Amino acid sequence: MYAPERQQEILRLAREGGRVDVLSLAEEFQVTAETVRRDLKALDRAGLVRRVHGGAILAGRLDFEPDLAERDTVAADEKQRIARAALAELPGGDNGGTHGSVILDAGTTAARLAAEIPLEAELTVVTHGLPVAARLADHPGLTLHLVGGRIRHRTRAAVDDWALRAYREINADVLFLATNGFSADGGLTTPDLAEAAVKRALIRAARRVVLLADSAKFGQQHFARFGELSDVDLLITDTGLSPDDALAIERAGTEVVRA
C-alpha cells in the first residue's frame, strides 16, 4: 500500500472513531511505528487530523481532552523546565518564596511546580487541584487551602459553584495558570466549560497572572474560551516557541520566558 492510500485509510478510521493510535495502525498496516508517525504528520500538516500523545484525533474535535496521566507524559522535559523557571515568580523570588500568597491552577505543569517548591517555603497556597494539594500537604511552612467542588475525573480538579464562590473571596499575589491552548487570536482555551469558568475566576482572584504552557499548546484552540493573552502578565514556555512568536506575544503586552 502506498503512503497516500494508507493515509486515506487512516483518515477514514479517524472519522469513524474520532481517534487513531500509532501502535494499532502500525499493526493493521504492517508498517513501523515511525512510518505511521510520518503519515500522521502529513495529515496534521494538511489540517485533517491533530496529533496527540500516542496518535491523532480528527481535526475539529475541540472537545477532546486526554486524561491526566496521558497529559503528564506529553512534553515532560519541557514542563519540568517550565516548572523550575516558575520558582523565580513565587513571592520572595527563587529562594522558595516567603509570606506571600499564590494560586496554583490544576494541571500537570502546575503539579510539577508544586513538587519543586522547597519544604522550607513559607507561603499561603490556594488550589482546586487534588494532585497539586497532595504534593504540598507535607510542607510545614505552607498554609494550604484546598478549594472544594465537583471533582472532574479527567483533571482531578474541583469545579462548579463551590469552587467559584471560594475564588470570589480571594485576592492572591500570583496565579500560576494552566491552559490547553493559547494563541493571539484564539486566546486561552480549554475543552470543558466548567473548567473554563473556574479559570476565569482564577484570573480575577490574583494581582499577577503567570501562564505555564509548553510550546505545543501554542496555536491550539479548544471549545471553551476563558481569557485572552492580554490577561497574562508573564508566559513561561519552552524553546519550542519560536523567537518570532515570542516577540509577537511580547509586543502585545505579555512578557515571555522560554525555559
Protein backbone atom coordinates (compact mmCIF):
# COMPACT_ATOMS: atom_id res chain seq x y z
CA MET A 1 0.00 0.00 0.00
CA TYR A 2 1.38 3.39 -1.00
CA ALA A 3 1.59 6.22 1.53
CA PRO A 4 -1.34 8.25 0.06
CA GLU A 5 -3.58 5.17 0.18
CA ARG A 6 -2.54 4.41 3.76
CA GLN A 7 -3.13 7.99 4.82
CA GLN A 8 -6.59 7.95 3.27
CA GLU A 9 -7.42 4.82 5.24
CA ILE A 10 -6.05 6.38 8.44
CA LEU A 11 -8.29 9.39 7.86
CA ARG A 12 -11.30 7.10 7.39
CA LEU A 13 -10.55 5.35 10.68
CA ALA A 14 -10.17 8.70 12.45
CA ARG A 15 -13.53 9.82 11.10
CA GLU A 16 -15.18 6.63 12.32
CA GLY A 17 -13.68 6.58 15.79
CA GLY A 18 -12.62 10.17 16.42
CA ARG A 19 -9.11 9.00 17.26
CA VAL A 20 -6.38 6.66 16.00
CA ASP A 21 -3.28 5.39 17.78
CA VAL A 22 0.16 4.71 16.36
CA LEU A 23 0.66 1.12 17.55
CA SER A 24 -2.72 -0.13 16.32
CA LEU A 25 -2.19 1.49 12.94
CA ALA A 26 1.30 0.02 12.63
CA GLU A 27 -0.08 -3.45 13.34
CA GLU A 28 -3.00 -3.04 10.96
CA PHE A 29 -0.91 -1.81 8.03
CA GLN A 30 2.15 -3.96 8.85
CA VAL A 31 4.49 -0.98 8.88
CA THR A 32 6.74 0.54 11.51
CA ALA A 33 5.51 3.00 14.12
CA GLU A 34 7.82 5.62 12.58
CA THR A 35 6.08 5.19 9.22
CA VAL A 36 2.72 5.78 10.90
CA ARG A 37 4.06 8.88 12.64
CA ARG A 38 5.16 10.26 9.28
CA ASP A 39 1.67 9.60 7.92
CA LEU A 40 0.08 11.37 10.86
CA LYS A 41 2.49 14.27 10.48
CA ALA A 42 1.47 14.63 6.83
CA LEU A 43 -2.23 14.52 7.73
CA ASP A 44 -1.63 17.04 10.52
CA ARG A 45 0.13 19.44 8.14
CA ALA A 46 -2.86 19.12 5.81
CA GLY A 47 -5.18 20.11 8.65
CA LEU A 48 -7.08 16.81 8.55
CA VAL A 49 -6.04 15.43 11.96
CA ARG A 50 -4.39 16.84 15.05
CA ARG A 51 -1.55 14.86 16.59
CA VAL A 52 -1.81 13.97 20.27
CA HIS A 53 0.26 11.71 22.51
CA GLY A 54 0.27 8.22 21.03
CA GLY A 55 -1.75 9.00 17.94
CA ALA A 56 -4.06 11.62 16.47
CA ILE A 57 -7.60 12.93 16.65
CA LEU A 58 -9.81 14.14 13.86
CA ALA A 59 -9.36 17.87 13.24
CA GLY A 60 -12.26 19.83 14.66
CA ARG A 61 -12.66 17.70 17.79
CA LEU A 62 -12.28 20.75 20.02
CA ASP A 63 -13.89 18.94 22.95
CA PHE A 64 -11.25 16.17 23.05
CA GLU A 65 -9.45 16.03 26.39
CA PRO A 66 -6.81 13.41 27.31
CA ASP A 67 -6.85 12.20 30.90
CA LEU A 68 -4.36 13.44 33.48
CA ALA A 69 -1.94 10.51 33.28
CA GLU A 70 -1.71 10.78 29.49
CA ARG A 71 -1.16 14.56 29.57
CA ASP A 72 1.59 14.24 32.17
CA THR A 73 3.72 12.19 29.75
CA VAL A 74 3.47 14.78 26.96
CA ALA A 75 6.39 17.27 26.77
CA ALA A 76 7.61 16.05 30.17
CA ASP A 77 11.10 17.61 29.90
CA GLU A 78 9.68 20.92 28.75
CA LYS A 79 7.15 21.00 31.60
CA GLN A 80 9.91 20.31 34.11
CA ARG A 81 11.99 23.23 32.80
CA ILE A 82 8.93 25.48 32.89
CA ALA A 83 8.20 24.49 36.48
CA ARG A 84 11.75 25.24 37.60
CA ALA A 85 11.71 28.60 35.86
CA ALA A 86 8.40 29.41 37.57
CA LEU A 87 10.03 29.15 41.01
CA ALA A 88 11.51 32.61 40.44
CA GLU A 89 7.97 34.02 40.22
CA LEU A 90 6.95 32.91 43.71
CA PRO A 91 6.59 35.79 46.17
CA GLY A 92 10.07 36.27 47.58
CA GLY A 93 11.86 35.07 44.44
CA ASP A 94 13.69 31.88 43.58
CA ASN A 95 14.57 31.08 47.21
CA GLY A 96 11.19 29.42 47.56
CA GLY A 97 9.06 32.39 48.45
CA THR A 98 8.27 33.95 51.81
CA HIS A 99 4.99 35.12 53.31
CA GLY A 100 3.15 35.66 50.05
CA SER A 101 0.02 34.14 48.57
CA VAL A 102 -0.31 32.13 45.37
CA ILE A 103 -2.99 30.24 43.47
CA LEU A 104 -1.93 27.07 41.69
CA ASP A 105 -4.26 26.04 38.90
CA ALA A 106 -4.99 22.37 38.26
CA GLY A 107 -2.71 20.96 35.58
CA THR A 108 0.31 18.78 35.02
CA THR A 109 2.80 21.65 34.82
CA ALA A 110 1.33 23.27 37.94
CA ALA A 111 1.71 19.93 39.73
CA ARG A 112 5.36 19.84 38.67
CA LEU A 113 5.79 23.35 40.07
CA ALA A 114 4.23 22.20 43.35
CA ALA A 115 6.77 19.38 43.52
CA GLU A 116 9.61 21.91 43.07
CA ILE A 117 8.53 24.22 45.91
CA PRO A 118 11.06 23.76 48.75
CA LEU A 119 9.93 22.24 52.04
CA GLU A 120 11.09 25.37 53.87
CA ALA A 121 8.97 27.75 51.78
CA GLU A 122 6.60 29.98 53.73
CA LEU A 123 3.59 30.73 51.57
CA THR A 124 -0.17 30.74 51.52
CA VAL A 125 -1.20 28.44 48.67
CA VAL A 126 -4.70 28.00 47.26
CA THR A 127 -5.57 25.28 44.77
CA HIS A 128 -8.54 23.31 43.46
CA GLY A 129 -6.31 20.59 42.00
CA LEU A 130 -6.08 17.41 44.05
CA PRO A 131 -2.63 16.36 42.69
CA VAL A 132 -1.28 19.84 43.45
CA ALA A 133 -2.58 19.76 47.02
CA ALA A 134 -1.22 16.24 47.57
CA ARG A 135 2.29 17.36 46.62
CA LEU A 136 2.21 20.27 49.08
CA ALA A 137 0.44 18.67 52.05
CA ASP A 138 3.71 17.81 53.84
CA HIS A 139 5.24 21.31 53.61
CA PRO A 140 5.28 22.60 57.20
CA GLY A 141 5.75 26.26 56.25
CA LEU A 142 2.77 26.44 53.91
CA THR A 143 -0.76 27.49 54.73
CA LEU A 144 -2.55 25.28 52.21
CA HIS A 145 -6.16 25.84 51.19
CA LEU A 146 -7.90 23.19 49.10
CA VAL A 147 -10.91 24.61 47.26
CA GLY A 148 -13.84 22.19 47.05
CA GLY A 149 -16.48 21.38 44.46
CA ARG A 150 -17.37 18.65 42.00
CA ILE A 151 -14.22 16.74 41.05
CA ARG A 152 -13.71 16.18 37.33
CA HIS A 153 -12.16 12.73 36.89
CA ARG A 154 -10.12 13.67 33.81
CA THR A 155 -8.31 16.54 35.53
CA ARG A 156 -8.78 15.83 39.28
CA ALA A 157 -9.92 19.45 39.59
CA ALA A 158 -12.80 20.92 41.60
CA VAL A 159 -15.32 22.86 39.53
CA ASP A 160 -18.82 24.37 39.70
CA ASP A 161 -20.38 26.73 42.24
CA TRP A 162 -18.42 25.79 45.39
CA ALA A 163 -15.13 26.48 43.63
CA LEU A 164 -16.40 29.68 42.02
CA ARG A 165 -17.66 31.04 45.35
CA ALA A 166 -14.34 30.34 47.06
CA TYR A 167 -12.28 32.11 44.41
CA ARG A 168 -14.53 35.16 44.52
CA GLU A 169 -13.30 35.69 48.11
CA ILE A 170 -9.58 35.55 47.30
CA ASN A 171 -7.05 38.22 46.36
CA ALA A 172 -3.72 36.47 45.84
CA ASP A 173 -0.33 37.86 44.87
CA VAL A 174 0.32 35.47 41.96
CA LEU A 175 -1.71 32.98 39.93
CA PHE A 176 0.08 30.16 38.12
CA LEU A 177 -2.40 29.45 35.35
CA ALA A 178 -2.73 26.39 33.09
CA THR A 179 -4.32 26.13 29.66
CA ASN A 180 -4.93 23.54 26.94
CA GLY A 181 -4.35 26.05 24.16
CA PHE A 182 -3.21 29.64 23.68
CA SER A 183 -2.84 31.98 20.73
CA ALA A 184 -3.05 35.66 19.91
CA ASP A 185 -6.32 35.23 18.02
CA GLY A 186 -7.90 32.32 19.89
CA GLY A 187 -6.98 33.45 23.39
CA LEU A 188 -6.85 30.95 26.24
CA THR A 189 -8.96 27.83 25.74
CA THR A 190 -9.84 24.50 27.36
CA PRO A 191 -12.22 21.72 26.33
CA ASP A 192 -14.61 21.94 29.31
CA LEU A 193 -17.00 24.81 30.13
CA ALA A 194 -16.90 24.15 33.89
CA GLU A 195 -13.10 24.26 33.92
CA ALA A 196 -13.19 27.46 31.86
CA ALA A 197 -15.49 29.12 34.41
CA VAL A 198 -13.07 28.33 37.24
CA LYS A 199 -10.11 29.60 35.24
CA ARG A 200 -11.91 32.91 34.63
CA ALA A 201 -12.43 33.18 38.39
CA LEU A 202 -8.74 32.46 38.99
CA ILE A 203 -7.68 35.32 36.73
CA ARG A 204 -9.90 37.72 38.68
CA ALA A 205 -8.56 36.42 42.01
CA ALA A 206 -4.88 37.39 41.56
CA ARG A 207 -2.91 40.58 41.03
CA ARG A 208 -0.37 38.90 38.74
CA VAL A 209 -1.04 36.12 36.24
CA VAL A 210 1.73 33.72 35.16
CA LEU A 211 0.78 31.28 32.42
CA LEU A 212 2.62 27.93 32.42
CA ALA A 213 2.24 26.38 28.97
CA ASP A 214 4.52 24.25 26.83
CA SER A 215 5.00 25.37 23.25
CA ALA A 216 2.93 22.51 21.78
CA LYS A 217 -0.16 24.32 23.09
CA PHE A 218 0.61 27.45 21.06
CA GLY A 219 -1.90 27.87 18.25
CA GLN A 220 -4.26 25.24 19.64
CA GLN A 221 -7.90 26.21 20.15
CA HIS A 222 -10.44 24.30 22.22
CA PHE A 223 -14.17 24.54 22.83
CA ALA A 224 -14.30 26.85 25.87
CA ARG A 225 -12.55 30.22 25.82
CA PHE A 226 -11.76 31.64 29.26
CA GLY A 227 -9.45 34.56 28.62
CA GLU A 228 -7.10 36.48 26.36
CA LEU A 229 -3.33 36.54 26.21
CA SER A 230 -3.64 40.16 27.36
CA ASP A 231 -4.89 38.79 30.72
CA VAL A 232 -1.45 37.21 31.22
CA ASP A 233 1.45 39.21 32.68
CA LEU A 234 4.08 36.53 32.04
CA LEU A 235 4.13 33.44 29.83
CA ILE A 236 6.65 30.75 30.81
CA THR A 237 7.08 28.27 27.99
CA ASP A 238 9.90 26.29 26.35
CA THR A 239 12.27 26.96 23.49
CA GLY A 240 9.91 25.23 21.08
CA LEU A 241 8.11 28.56 20.82
CA SER A 242 9.96 30.41 18.08
CA PRO A 243 11.69 33.72 18.83
CA ASP A 244 9.40 35.42 16.29
CA ASP A 245 6.24 34.12 18.01
CA ALA A 246 7.64 35.10 21.41
CA LEU A 247 8.39 38.59 20.13
CA ALA A 248 4.86 38.96 18.73
CA ILE A 249 3.40 37.96 22.11
CA GLU A 250 5.64 40.42 23.92
CA ARG A 251 4.68 43.23 21.55
CA ALA A 252 1.06 42.59 22.55
CA GLY A 253 1.99 43.20 26.19
CA THR A 254 2.81 39.80 27.72
CA GLU A 255 6.35 39.09 28.88
CA VAL A 256 7.74 35.75 27.65
CA VAL A 257 10.32 33.44 29.23
CA ARG A 258 11.50 30.49 27.09
CA ALA A 259 12.94 27.93 29.51
